[in-house]
Structures are given as C-alpha cells and as structure tokens.
Amino acid sequence: KIGKQYVSLLLEQIRNGNIQIQDMKKMANLMHGHVNGVFNAKNDGFHQPVNVFLFMVDEWYKTTLYDVEDGEGFDKLISILEDDNVELFALADKMRRIKSGEGAIGLPANHF
C-alpha cells in the first residue's frame, strides 16, 4: 500500500544513517500505537535498525494500511515524514518526485 520502491528508499536511508533510531521512534508514534509498541519491543539492541523498521512497516500494514485506497498509504507516509517532530522534508520531496516520474534531482526519470 506504500509502494515497494518507497520502502526500499526508506531502508536505504536507514542504512546510510540519514534516518536515525530517534526518527524511527517518532515515526512509529505517528503510524499507530501498536507500531510504537513494536518499535519498543524490537529496539532492544539485538535487532538492526533496518529490521526494526521492517517490523514497524509490517505492523503499520496490519493496523492501518490494509484497507486504504491506492495512494492513500503513500500520502500517510509523506504526512509522517513532514510532521513537525520528524522533519524529513527532503526525503518526502524526493519520494514525491519519484512518484511524479521525475528523477531524484528533478529531471525526468528517462533523462539520459
């Protein structure tokens, strides 16, 4: 419901250190109370941040995204990224450009 390419981009940002564990905590709070519970349970020092995030996305799907219309999950994700507590505006903008068919720097995706 979010889009595989956007989840992959989020995972890449976590691996690169652009999304920190405290950002993930804020995101979990905004996704759903159960997602926050999953974050707290899995952020135990044993699970890597990428894996914690995958557990979060799985729970978010089960609690919220399973019955949303196409595109609504993407909109919810963008809203979370742009929340005043999360402030991942550049990432939200990059996702919007990808969705609109533009490349990561604003050029058409098929620009060579």
PDB file of N, CA and C in Angstrom:
ATOM      1  N   LYS A   1       0.806  -1.206   0.000  1.00  0.00           N
ATOM      2  CA  LYS A   1       0.000   0.000   0.000  1.00  0.00           C
ATOM      3  C   LYS A   1       0.846   1.265   0.000  1.00  0.00           C
ATOM      4  N   ILE A   2       2.114   1.140   0.390  1.00  0.00           N
ATOM      5  CA  ILE A   2       3.014   2.295   0.353  1.00  0.00           C
ATOM      6  C   ILE A   2       3.735   2.340  -0.990  1.00  0.00           C
ATOM      7  N   GLY A   3       4.169   1.208  -1.440  1.00  0.00           N
ATOM      8  CA  GLY A   3       4.971   1.102  -2.652  1.00  0.00           C
ATOM      9  C   GLY A   3       6.346   0.570  -2.300  1.00  0.00           C
ATOM     10  N   LYS A   4       6.700  -0.525  -2.933  1.00  0.00           N
ATOM     11  CA  LYS A   4       7.971  -1.203  -2.633  1.00  0.00           C
ATOM     12  C   LYS A   4       9.161  -0.264  -2.793  1.00  0.00           C
ATOM     13  N   GLN A   5       9.137   0.590  -3.837  1.00  0.00           N
ATOM     14  CA  GLN A   5      10.272   1.476  -4.076  1.00  0.00           C
ATOM     15  C   GLN A   5      10.461   2.479  -2.937  1.00  0.00           C
ATOM     16  N   TYR A   6       9.363   2.866  -2.279  1.00  0.00           N
ATOM     17  CA  TYR A   6       9.474   3.838  -1.182  1.00  0.00           C
ATOM     18  C   TYR A   6       9.979   3.168   0.093  1.00  0.00           C
ATOM     19  N   VAL A   7       9.544   1.939   0.324  1.00  0.00           N
ATOM     20  CA  VAL A   7      10.077   1.188   1.460  1.00  0.00           C
ATOM     21  C   VAL A   7      11.572   0.954   1.256  1.00  0.00           C
ATOM     22  N   SER A   8      11.951   0.597   0.040  1.00  0.00           N
ATOM     23  CA  SER A   8      13.378   0.392  -0.265  1.00  0.00           C
ATOM     24  C   SER A   8      14.174   1.667  -0.038  1.00  0.00           C
ATOM     25  N   LEU A   9      13.616   2.801  -0.432  1.00  0.00           N
ATOM     26  CA  LEU A   9      14.287   4.075  -0.222  1.00  0.00           C
ATOM     27  C   LEU A   9      14.429   4.380   1.260  1.00  0.00           C
ATOM     28  N   LEU A  10      13.396   4.115   2.038  1.00  0.00           N
ATOM     29  CA  LEU A  10      13.477   4.313   3.490  1.00  0.00           C
ATOM     30  C   LEU A  10      14.557   3.423   4.100  1.00  0.00           C
ATOM     31  N   LEU A  11      14.601   2.167   3.673  1.00  0.00           N
ATOM     32  CA  LEU A  11      15.614   1.247   4.196  1.00  0.00           C
ATOM     33  C   LEU A  11      17.024   1.719   3.831  1.00  0.00           C
ATOM     34  N   GLU A  12      17.185   2.215   2.620  1.00  0.00           N
ATOM     35  CA  GLU A  12      18.476   2.758   2.199  1.00  0.00           C
ATOM     36  C   GLU A  12      18.874   3.951   3.078  1.00  0.00           C
ATOM     37  N   GLN A  13      17.904   4.805   3.374  1.00  0.00           N
ATOM     38  CA  GLN A  13      18.180   5.974   4.211  1.00  0.00           C
ATOM     39  C   GLN A  13      18.559   5.568   5.639  1.00  0.00           C
ATOM     40  N   ILE A  14      17.948   4.501   6.137  1.00  0.00           N
ATOM     41  CA  ILE A  14      18.311   3.983   7.466  1.00  0.00           C
ATOM     42  C   ILE A  14      19.724   3.425   7.427  1.00  0.00           C
ATOM     43  N   ARG A  15      20.026   2.624   6.405  1.00  0.00           N
ATOM     44  CA  ARG A  15      21.379   2.042   6.284  1.00  0.00           C
ATOM     45  C   ARG A  15      22.453   3.115   6.171  1.00  0.00           C
ATOM     46  N   ASN A  16      22.122   4.202   5.471  1.00  0.00           N
ATOM     47  CA  ASN A  16      23.084   5.294   5.285  1.00  0.00           C
ATOM     48  C   ASN A  16      23.178   6.227   6.484  1.00  0.00           C
ATOM     49  N   GLY A  17      22.336   6.025   7.469  1.00  0.00           N
ATOM     50  CA  GLY A  17      22.365   6.860   8.666  1.00  0.00           C
ATOM     51  C   GLY A  17      21.591   8.155   8.529  1.00  0.00           C
ATOM     52  N   ASN A  18      20.831   8.307   7.445  1.00  0.00           N
ATOM     53  CA  ASN A  18      20.048   9.527   7.262  1.00  0.00           C
ATOM     54  C   ASN A  18      18.740   9.505   8.037  1.00  0.00           C
ATOM     55  N   ILE A  19      18.277   8.312   8.393  1.00  0.00           N
ATOM     56  CA  ILE A  19      17.156   8.152   9.315  1.00  0.00           C
ATOM     57  C   ILE A  19      17.724   7.477  10.552  1.00  0.00           C
ATOM     58  N   GLN A  20      17.672   8.171  11.654  1.00  0.00           N
ATOM     59  CA  GLN A  20      18.221   7.682  12.919  1.00  0.00           C
ATOM     60  C   GLN A  20      17.139   6.938  13.705  1.00  0.00           C
ATOM     61  N   ILE A  21      17.556   6.209  14.716  1.00  0.00           N
ATOM     62  CA  ILE A  21      16.620   5.444  15.541  1.00  0.00           C
ATOM     63  C   ILE A  21      15.603   6.372  16.211  1.00  0.00           C
ATOM     64  N   GLN A  22      16.005   7.584  16.601  1.00  0.00           N
ATOM     65  CA  GLN A  22      15.058   8.518  17.214  1.00  0.00           C
ATOM     66  C   GLN A  22      14.017   8.995  16.194  1.00  0.00           C
ATOM     67  N   ASP A  23      14.401   9.075  14.915  1.00  0.00           N
ATOM     68  CA  ASP A  23      13.432   9.403  13.859  1.00  0.00           C
ATOM     69  C   ASP A  23      12.413   8.277  13.717  1.00  0.00           C
ATOM     70  N   MET A  24      12.901   7.054  13.780  1.00  0.00           N
ATOM     71  CA  MET A  24      12.024   5.896  13.668  1.00  0.00           C
ATOM     72  C   MET A  24      11.030   5.865  14.827  1.00  0.00           C
ATOM     73  N   LYS A  25      11.474   6.217  16.018  1.00  0.00           N
ATOM     74  CA  LYS A  25      10.591   6.270  17.192  1.00  0.00           C
ATOM     75  C   LYS A  25       9.473   7.284  16.957  1.00  0.00           C
ATOM     76  N   LYS A  26       9.828   8.459  16.452  1.00  0.00           N
ATOM     77  CA  LYS A  26       8.821   9.485  16.173  1.00  0.00           C
ATOM     78  C   LYS A  26       7.850   9.014  15.099  1.00  0.00           C
ATOM     79  N   MET A  27       8.372   8.353  14.080  1.00  0.00           N
ATOM     80  CA  MET A  27       7.523   7.827  13.013  1.00  0.00           C
ATOM     81  C   MET A  27       6.567   6.766  13.563  1.00  0.00           C
ATOM     82  N   ALA A  28       7.074   5.889  14.413  1.00  0.00           N
ATOM     83  CA  ALA A  28       6.247   4.828  14.994  1.00  0.00           C
ATOM     84  C   ALA A  28       5.082   5.419  15.782  1.00  0.00           C
ATOM     85  N   ASN A  29       5.348   6.475  16.536  1.00  0.00           N
ATOM     86  CA  ASN A  29       4.283   7.142  17.300  1.00  0.00           C
ATOM     87  C   ASN A  29       3.183   7.657  16.393  1.00  0.00           C
ATOM     88  N   LEU A  30       3.549   8.140  15.219  1.00  0.00           N
ATOM     89  CA  LEU A  30       2.580   8.713  14.298  1.00  0.00           C
ATOM     90  C   LEU A  30       1.854   7.649  13.472  1.00  0.00           C
ATOM     91  N   MET A  31       2.469   6.501  13.301  1.00  0.00           N
ATOM     92  CA  MET A  31       1.857   5.445  12.496  1.00  0.00           C
ATOM     93  C   MET A  31       0.658   4.830  13.209  1.00  0.00           C
ATOM     94  N   HIS A  32       0.851   4.404  14.449  1.00  0.00           N
ATOM     95  CA  HIS A  32      -0.213   3.758  15.227  1.00  0.00           C
ATOM     96  C   HIS A  32       0.383   3.364  16.573  1.00  0.00           C
ATOM     97  N   GLY A  33      -0.436   3.301  17.594  1.00  0.00           N
ATOM     98  CA  GLY A  33       0.038   2.888  18.918  1.00  0.00           C
ATOM     99  C   GLY A  33       0.683   1.520  18.911  1.00  0.00           C
ATOM    100  N   HIS A  34       0.129   0.608  18.128  1.00  0.00           N
ATOM    101  CA  HIS A  34       0.711  -0.735  18.055  1.00  0.00           C
ATOM    102  C   HIS A  34       2.073  -0.715  17.376  1.00  0.00           C
ATOM    103  N   VAL A  35       2.252   0.165  16.401  1.00  0.00           N
ATOM    104  CA  VAL A  35       3.551   0.291  15.735  1.00  0.00           C
ATOM    105  C   VAL A  35       4.578   0.783  16.744  1.00  0.00           C
ATOM    106  N   ASN A  36       4.184   1.721  17.583  1.00  0.00           N
ATOM    107  CA  ASN A  36       5.084   2.196  18.631  1.00  0.00           C
ATOM    108  C   ASN A  36       5.443   1.056  19.586  1.00  0.00           C
ATOM    109  N   GLY A  37       4.475   0.208  19.907  1.00  0.00           N
ATOM    110  CA  GLY A  37       4.746  -0.948  20.758  1.00  0.00           C
ATOM    111  C   GLY A  37       5.745  -1.897  20.111  1.00  0.00           C
ATOM    112  N   VAL A  38       5.598  -2.120  18.809  1.00  0.00           N
ATOM    113  CA  VAL A  38       6.540  -2.973  18.079  1.00  0.00           C
ATOM    114  C   VAL A  38       7.922  -2.340  18.094  1.00  0.00           C
ATOM    115  N   PHE A  39       7.986  -1.023  17.864  1.00  0.00           N
ATOM    116  CA  PHE A  39       9.279  -0.342  17.911  1.00  0.00           C
ATOM    117  C   PHE A  39       9.944  -0.574  19.265  1.00  0.00           C
ATOM    118  N   ASN A  40       9.208  -0.356  20.340  1.00  0.00           N
ATOM    119  CA  ASN A  40       9.775  -0.509  21.683  1.00  0.00           C
ATOM    120  C   ASN A  40      10.229  -1.938  21.947  1.00  0.00           C
ATOM    121  N   ALA A  41       9.475  -2.912  21.460  1.00  0.00           N
ATOM    122  CA  ALA A  41       9.828  -4.315  21.677  1.00  0.00           C
ATOM    123  C   ALA A  41      11.055  -4.728  20.864  1.00  0.00           C
ATOM    124  N   LYS A  42      11.163  -4.234  19.649  1.00  0.00           N
ATOM    125  CA  LYS A  42      12.235  -4.674  18.754  1.00  0.00           C
ATOM    126  C   LYS A  42      13.505  -3.823  18.856  1.00  0.00           C
ATOM    127  N   ASN A  43      13.398  -2.622  19.373  1.00  0.00           N
ATOM    128  CA  ASN A  43      14.581  -1.771  19.546  1.00  0.00           C
ATOM    129  C   ASN A  43      15.272  -2.157  20.853  1.00  0.00           C
ATOM    130  N   ASP A  44      15.836  -3.347  20.840  1.00  0.00           N
ATOM    131  CA  ASP A  44      16.382  -3.958  22.043  1.00  0.00           C
ATOM    132  C   ASP A  44      17.899  -4.109  22.014  1.00  0.00           C
ATOM    133  N   GLY A  45      18.535  -3.524  21.011  1.00  0.00           N
ATOM    134  CA  GLY A  45      19.979  -3.669  20.882  1.00  0.00           C
ATOM    135  C   GLY A  45      20.378  -4.930  20.141  1.00  0.00           C
ATOM    136  N   PHE A  46      19.444  -5.833  19.959  1.00  0.00           N
ATOM    137  CA  PHE A  46      19.709  -7.073  19.243  1.00  0.00           C
ATOM    138  C   PHE A  46      19.376  -6.932  17.763  1.00  0.00           C
ATOM    139  N   HIS A  47      18.254  -6.254  17.466  1.00  0.00           N
ATOM    140  CA  HIS A  47      17.812  -6.079  16.081  1.00  0.00           C
ATOM    141  C   HIS A  47      18.462  -4.849  15.457  1.00  0.00           C
ATOM    142  N   GLN A  48      18.898  -4.986  14.228  1.00  0.00           N
ATOM    143  CA  GLN A  48      19.441  -3.864  13.476  1.00  0.00           C
ATOM    144  C   GLN A  48      18.310  -2.878  13.166  1.00  0.00           C
ATOM    145  N   PRO A  49      18.618  -1.572  13.061  1.00  0.00           N
ATOM    146  CA  PRO A  49      17.571  -0.580  12.766  1.00  0.00           C
ATOM    147  C   PRO A  49      16.737  -0.906  11.528  1.00  0.00           C
ATOM    148  N   VAL A  50      17.365  -1.433  10.486  1.00  0.00           N
ATOM    149  CA  VAL A  50      16.615  -1.799   9.278  1.00  0.00           C
ATOM    150  C   VAL A  50      15.558  -2.846   9.607  1.00  0.00           C
ATOM    151  N   ASN A  51      15.917  -3.824  10.412  1.00  0.00           N
ATOM    152  CA  ASN A  51      14.970  -4.875  10.783  1.00  0.00           C
ATOM    153  C   ASN A  51      13.861  -4.335  11.682  1.00  0.00           C
ATOM    154  N   VAL A  52      14.215  -3.432  12.583  1.00  0.00           N
ATOM    155  CA  VAL A  52      13.202  -2.790  13.423  1.00  0.00           C
ATOM    156  C   VAL A  52      12.189  -2.086  12.534  1.00  0.00           C
ATOM    157  N   PHE A  53      12.686  -1.370  11.529  1.00  0.00           N
ATOM    158  CA  PHE A  53      11.788  -0.649  10.637  1.00  0.00           C
ATOM    159  C   PHE A  53      10.884  -1.601   9.855  1.00  0.00           C
ATOM    160  N   LEU A  54      11.410  -2.721   9.420  1.00  0.00           N
ATOM    161  CA  LEU A  54      10.585  -3.698   8.704  1.00  0.00           C
ATOM    162  C   LEU A  54       9.466  -4.233   9.592  1.00  0.00           C
ATOM    163  N   PHE A  55       9.770  -4.490  10.858  1.00  0.00           N
ATOM    164  CA  PHE A  55       8.726  -4.894  11.801  1.00  0.00           C
ATOM    165  C   PHE A  55       7.678  -3.792  11.949  1.00  0.00           C
ATOM    166  N   MET A  56       8.146  -2.535  11.989  1.00  0.00           N
ATOM    167  CA  MET A  56       7.228  -1.396  12.093  1.00  0.00           C
ATOM    168  C   MET A  56       6.288  -1.334  10.897  1.00  0.00           C
ATOM    169  N   VAL A  57       6.842  -1.457   9.694  1.00  0.00           N
ATOM    170  CA  VAL A  57       6.034  -1.377   8.474  1.00  0.00           C
ATOM    171  C   VAL A  57       5.019  -2.520   8.437  1.00  0.00           C
ATOM    172  N   ASP A  58       5.442  -3.695   8.857  1.00  0.00           N
ATOM    173  CA  ASP A  58       4.536  -4.839   8.886  1.00  0.00           C
ATOM    174  C   ASP A  58       3.354  -4.555   9.820  1.00  0.00           C
ATOM    175  N   GLU A  59       3.624  -4.039  10.980  1.00  0.00           N
ATOM    176  CA  GLU A  59       2.553  -3.728  11.932  1.00  0.00           C
ATOM    177  C   GLU A  59       1.682  -2.579  11.434  1.00  0.00           C
ATOM    178  N   TRP A  60       2.287  -1.605  10.796  1.00  0.00           N
ATOM    179  CA  TRP A  60       1.524  -0.479  10.244  1.00  0.00           C
ATOM    180  C   TRP A  60       0.543  -0.981   9.195  1.00  0.00           C
ATOM    181  N   TYR A  61       0.988  -1.919   8.381  1.00  0.00           N
ATOM    182  CA  TYR A  61       0.090  -2.500   7.386  1.00  0.00           C
ATOM    183  C   TYR A  61      -1.086  -3.199   8.087  1.00  0.00           C
ATOM    184  N   LYS A  62      -0.787  -4.008   9.099  1.00  0.00           N
ATOM    185  CA  LYS A  62      -1.832  -4.773   9.791  1.00  0.00           C
ATOM    186  C   LYS A  62      -2.841  -3.873  10.501  1.00  0.00           C
ATOM    187  N   THR A  63      -2.376  -2.757  11.036  1.00  0.00           N
ATOM    188  CA  THR A  63      -3.255  -1.912  11.842  1.00  0.00           C
ATOM    189  C   THR A  63      -3.915  -0.778  11.069  1.00  0.00           C
ATOM    190  N   THR A  64      -3.309  -0.332   9.977  1.00  0.00           N
ATOM    191  CA  THR A  64      -3.775   0.886   9.324  1.00  0.00           C
ATOM    192  C   THR A  64      -3.916   0.752   7.816  1.00  0.00           C
ATOM    193  N   LEU A  65      -2.906   0.225   7.169  1.00  0.00           N
ATOM    194  CA  LEU A  65      -2.837   0.311   5.712  1.00  0.00           C
ATOM    195  C   LEU A  65      -3.580  -0.789   4.966  1.00  0.00           C
ATOM    196  N   TYR A  66      -4.012  -1.832   5.656  1.00  0.00           N
ATOM    197  CA  TYR A  66      -4.607  -2.979   4.976  1.00  0.00           C
ATOM    198  C   TYR A  66      -5.868  -2.628   4.194  1.00  0.00           C
ATOM    199  N   ASP A  67      -6.580  -1.581   4.587  1.00  0.00           N
ATOM    200  CA  ASP A  67      -7.833  -1.281   3.898  1.00  0.00           C
ATOM    201  C   ASP A  67      -7.891   0.133   3.313  1.00  0.00           C
ATOM    202  N   VAL A  68      -6.736   0.748   3.082  1.00  0.00           N
ATOM    203  CA  VAL A  68      -6.738   2.089   2.495  1.00  0.00           C
ATOM    204  C   VAL A  68      -6.760   2.004   0.975  1.00  0.00           C
ATOM    205  N   GLU A  69      -7.222   3.064   0.366  1.00  0.00           N
ATOM    206  CA  GLU A  69      -7.265   3.153  -1.096  1.00  0.00           C
ATOM    207  C   GLU A  69      -5.846   3.294  -1.648  1.00  0.00           C
ATOM    208  N   ASP A  70      -5.678   2.958  -2.917  1.00  0.00           N
ATOM    209  CA  ASP A  70      -4.382   3.133  -3.574  1.00  0.00           C
ATOM    210  C   ASP A  70      -3.943   4.583  -3.464  1.00  0.00           C
ATOM    211  N   GLY A  71      -2.710   4.782  -3.122  1.00  0.00           N
ATOM    212  CA  GLY A  71      -2.160   6.125  -2.993  1.00  0.00           C
ATOM    213  C   GLY A  71      -2.316   6.724  -1.608  1.00  0.00           C
ATOM    214  N   GLU A  72      -3.285   6.224  -0.840  1.00  0.00           N
ATOM    215  CA  GLU A  72      -3.513   6.780   0.494  1.00  0.00           C
ATOM    216  C   GLU A  72      -2.378   6.419   1.457  1.00  0.00           C
ATOM    217  N   GLY A  73      -1.819   5.226   1.304  1.00  0.00           N
ATOM    218  CA  GLY A  73      -0.684   4.834   2.146  1.00  0.00           C
ATOM    219  C   GLY A  73       0.516   5.740   1.894  1.00  0.00           C
ATOM    220  N   PHE A  74       0.759   6.048   0.621  1.00  0.00           N
ATOM    221  CA  PHE A  74       1.836   6.973   0.266  1.00  0.00           C
ATOM    222  C   PHE A  74       1.597   8.334   0.915  1.00  0.00           C
ATOM    223  N   ASP A  75       0.368   8.821   0.833  1.00  0.00           N
ATOM    224  CA  ASP A  75       0.036  10.119   1.428  1.00  0.00           C
ATOM    225  C   ASP A  75       0.244  10.114   2.939  1.00  0.00           C
ATOM    226  N   LYS A  76      -0.122   9.014   3.589  1.00  0.00           N
ATOM    227  CA  LYS A  76       0.083   8.900   5.034  1.00  0.00           C
ATOM    228  C   LYS A  76       1.584   8.923   5.366  1.00  0.00           C
ATOM    229  N   LEU A  77       2.374   8.223   4.557  1.00  0.00           N
ATOM    230  CA  LEU A  77       3.818   8.205   4.769  1.00  0.00           C
ATOM    231  C   LEU A  77       4.408   9.608   4.620  1.00  0.00           C
ATOM    232  N   ILE A  78       4.014  10.322   3.581  1.00  0.00           N
ATOM    233  CA  ILE A  78       4.514  11.672   3.363  1.00  0.00           C
ATOM    234  C   ILE A  78       4.131  12.570   4.533  1.00  0.00           C
ATOM    235  N   SER A  79       2.908  12.430   5.008  1.00  0.00           N
ATOM    236  CA  SER A  79       2.458  13.221   6.154  1.00  0.00           C
ATOM    237  C   SER A  79       3.320  12.959   7.389  1.00  0.00           C
ATOM    238  N   ILE A  80       3.685  11.713   7.600  1.00  0.00           N
ATOM    239  CA  ILE A  80       4.554  11.357   8.734  1.00  0.00           C
ATOM    240  C   ILE A  80       5.947  11.959   8.555  1.00  0.00           C
ATOM    241  N   LEU A  81       6.500  11.825   7.359  1.00  0.00           N
ATOM    242  CA  LEU A  81       7.850  12.353   7.111  1.00  0.00           C
ATOM    243  C   LEU A  81       7.896  13.870   7.283  1.00  0.00           C
ATOM    244  N   GLU A  82       6.787  14.543   6.974  1.00  0.00           N
ATOM    245  CA  GLU A  82       6.751  16.004   7.053  1.00  0.00           C
ATOM    246  C   GLU A  82       6.208  16.520   8.387  1.00  0.00           C
ATOM    247  N   ASP A  83       5.900  15.628   9.296  1.00  0.00           N
ATOM    248  CA  ASP A  83       5.417  16.051  10.610  1.00  0.00           C
ATOM    249  C   ASP A  83       6.466  16.921  11.297  1.00  0.00           C
ATOM    250  N   ASP A  84       6.012  17.875  12.078  1.00  0.00           N
ATOM    251  CA  ASP A  84       6.921  18.799  12.764  1.00  0.00           C
ATOM    252  C   ASP A  84       7.914  18.101  13.685  1.00  0.00           C
ATOM    253  N   ASN A  85       7.595  16.909  14.152  1.00  0.00           N
ATOM    254  CA  ASN A  85       8.516  16.176  15.014  1.00  0.00           C
ATOM    255  C   ASN A  85       9.508  15.320  14.240  1.00  0.00           C
ATOM    256  N   VAL A  86       9.166  14.933  13.017  1.00  0.00           N
ATOM    257  CA  VAL A  86      10.026  14.056  12.215  1.00  0.00           C
ATOM    258  C   VAL A  86      10.935  14.880  11.306  1.00  0.00           C
ATOM    259  N   GLU A  87      10.357  15.793  10.563  1.00  0.00           N
ATOM    260  CA  GLU A  87      11.089  16.760   9.741  1.00  0.00           C
ATOM    261  C   GLU A  87      12.048  16.130   8.722  1.00  0.00           C
ATOM    262  N   LEU A  88      11.580  15.132   8.003  1.00  0.00           N
ATOM    263  CA  LEU A  88      12.363  14.539   6.917  1.00  0.00           C
ATOM    264  C   LEU A  88      11.818  15.063   5.591  1.00  0.00           C
ATOM    265  N   PHE A  89      11.842  16.383   5.451  1.00  0.00           N
ATOM    266  CA  PHE A  89      11.239  17.068   4.312  1.00  0.00           C
ATOM    267  C   PHE A  89      11.921  16.711   2.991  1.00  0.00           C
ATOM    268  N   ALA A  90      13.235  16.642   2.981  1.00  0.00           N
ATOM    269  CA  ALA A  90      13.960  16.342   1.742  1.00  0.00           C
ATOM    270  C   ALA A  90      13.614  14.942   1.244  1.00  0.00           C
ATOM    271  N   LEU A  91      13.475  14.000   2.161  1.00  0.00           N
ATOM    272  CA  LEU A  91      13.117  12.636   1.784  1.00  0.00           C
ATOM    273  C   LEU A  91      11.690  12.593   1.232  1.00  0.00           C
ATOM    274  N   ALA A  92      10.778  13.302   1.869  1.00  0.00           N
ATOM    275  CA  ALA A  92       9.399  13.366   1.373  1.00  0.00           C
ATOM    276  C   ALA A  92       9.355  13.973  -0.024  1.00  0.00           C
ATOM    277  N   ASP A  93      10.141  15.017  -0.230  1.00  0.00           N
ATOM    278  CA  ASP A  93      10.194  15.662  -1.537  1.00  0.00           C
ATOM    279  C   ASP A  93      10.764  14.714  -2.591  1.00  0.00           C
ATOM    280  N   LYS A  94      11.796  13.978  -2.233  1.00  0.00           N
ATOM    281  CA  LYS A  94      12.394  13.009  -3.159  1.00  0.00           C
ATOM    282  C   LYS A  94      11.372  11.942  -3.547  1.00  0.00           C
ATOM    283  N   MET A  95      10.593  11.484  -2.586  1.00  0.00           N
ATOM    284  CA  MET A  95       9.570  10.479  -2.870  1.00  0.00           C
ATOM    285  C   MET A  95       8.493  11.044  -3.797  1.00  0.00           C
ATOM    286  N   ARG A  96       8.114  12.273  -3.573  1.00  0.00           N
ATOM    287  CA  ARG A  96       7.119  12.904  -4.448  1.00  0.00           C
ATOM    288  C   ARG A  96       7.639  13.009  -5.884  1.00  0.00           C
ATOM    289  N   ARG A  97       8.911  13.376  -6.019  1.00  0.00           N
ATOM    290  CA  ARG A  97       9.496  13.481  -7.361  1.00  0.00           C
ATOM    291  C   ARG A  97       9.535  12.123  -8.041  1.00  0.00           C
ATOM    292  N   ILE A  98       9.875  11.091  -7.299  1.00  0.00           N
ATOM    293  CA  ILE A  98       9.894   9.742  -7.862  1.00  0.00           C
ATOM    294  C   ILE A  98       8.483   9.347  -8.296  1.00  0.00           C
ATOM    295  N   LYS A  99       7.507   9.623  -7.448  1.00  0.00           N
ATOM    296  CA  LYS A  99       6.119   9.269  -7.766  1.00  0.00           C
ATOM    297  C   LYS A  99       5.622   9.993  -9.006  1.00  0.00           C
ATOM    298  N   SER A 100       6.051  11.248  -9.171  1.00  0.00           N
ATOM    299  CA  SER A 100       5.584  12.031 -10.315  1.00  0.00           C
ATOM    300  C   SER A 100       6.334  11.683 -11.603  1.00  0.00           C
ATOM    301  N   GLY A 101       7.335  10.801 -11.494  1.00  0.00           N
ATOM    302  CA  GLY A 101       8.085  10.394 -12.680  1.00  0.00           C
ATOM    303  C   GLY A 101       9.355  11.175 -12.891  1.00  0.00           C
ATOM    304  N   GLU A 102       9.668  12.076 -11.983  1.00  0.00           N
ATOM    305  CA  GLU A 102      10.924  12.817 -12.085  1.00  0.00           C
ATOM    306  C   GLU A 102      12.039  11.998 -11.453  1.00  0.00           C
ATOM    307  N   GLY A 103      13.250  12.280 -11.848  1.00  0.00           N
ATOM    308  CA  GLY A 103      14.406  11.645 -11.228  1.00  0.00           C
ATOM    309  C   GLY A 103      14.655  12.245  -9.855  1.00  0.00           C
ATOM    310  N   ALA A 104      15.639  11.724  -9.169  1.00  0.00           N
ATOM    311  CA  ALA A 104      15.937  12.155  -7.809  1.00  0.00           C
ATOM    312  C   ALA A 104      16.353  13.618  -7.738  1.00  0.00           C
ATOM    313  N   ILE A 105      16.846  14.186  -8.836  1.00  0.00           N
ATOM    314  CA  ILE A 105      17.261  15.593  -8.791  1.00  0.00           C
ATOM    315  C   ILE A 105      16.327  16.494  -9.584  1.00  0.00           C
ATOM    316  N   GLY A 106      15.130  16.001  -9.865  1.00  0.00           N
ATOM    317  CA  GLY A 106      14.146  16.828 -10.536  1.00  0.00           C
ATOM    318  C   GLY A 106      14.079  16.677 -12.029  1.00  0.00           C
ATOM    319  N   LEU A 107      14.920  15.817 -12.597  1.00  0.00           N
ATOM    320  CA  LEU A 107      14.886  15.577 -14.046  1.00  0.00           C
ATOM    321  C   LEU A 107      13.927  14.432 -14.335  1.00  0.00           C
ATOM    322  N   PRO A 108      13.387  14.361 -15.535  1.00  0.00           N
ATOM    323  CA  PRO A 108      12.520  13.216 -15.871  1.00  0.00           C
ATOM    324  C   PRO A 108      13.274  11.903 -15.646  1.00  0.00           C
ATOM    325  N   ALA A 109      12.563  10.881 -15.225  1.00  0.00           N
ATOM    326  CA  ALA A 109      13.184   9.595 -14.916  1.00  0.00           C
ATOM    327  C   ALA A 109      13.900   9.006 -16.120  1.00  0.00           C
ATOM    328  N   ASN A 110      13.462   9.331 -17.343  1.00  0.00           N
ATOM    329  CA  ASN A 110      14.095   8.768 -18.522  1.00  0.00           C
ATOM    330  C   ASN A 110      15.163   9.688 -19.117  1.00  0.00           C
ATOM    331  N   HIS A 111      15.556  10.728 -18.373  1.00  0.00           N
ATOM    332  CA  HIS A 111      16.591  11.665 -18.842  1.00  0.00           C
ATOM    333  C   HIS A 111      17.949  10.958 -18.836  1.00  0.00           C
ATOM    334  N   PHE A 112      18.677  11.097 -19.957  1.00  0.00           N
ATOM    335  CA  PHE A 112      19.995  10.440 -20.047  1.00  0.00           C
ATOM    336  C   PHE A 112      21.087  11.461 -20.118  1.00  0.00           C
TER     337      PHE A 112
END
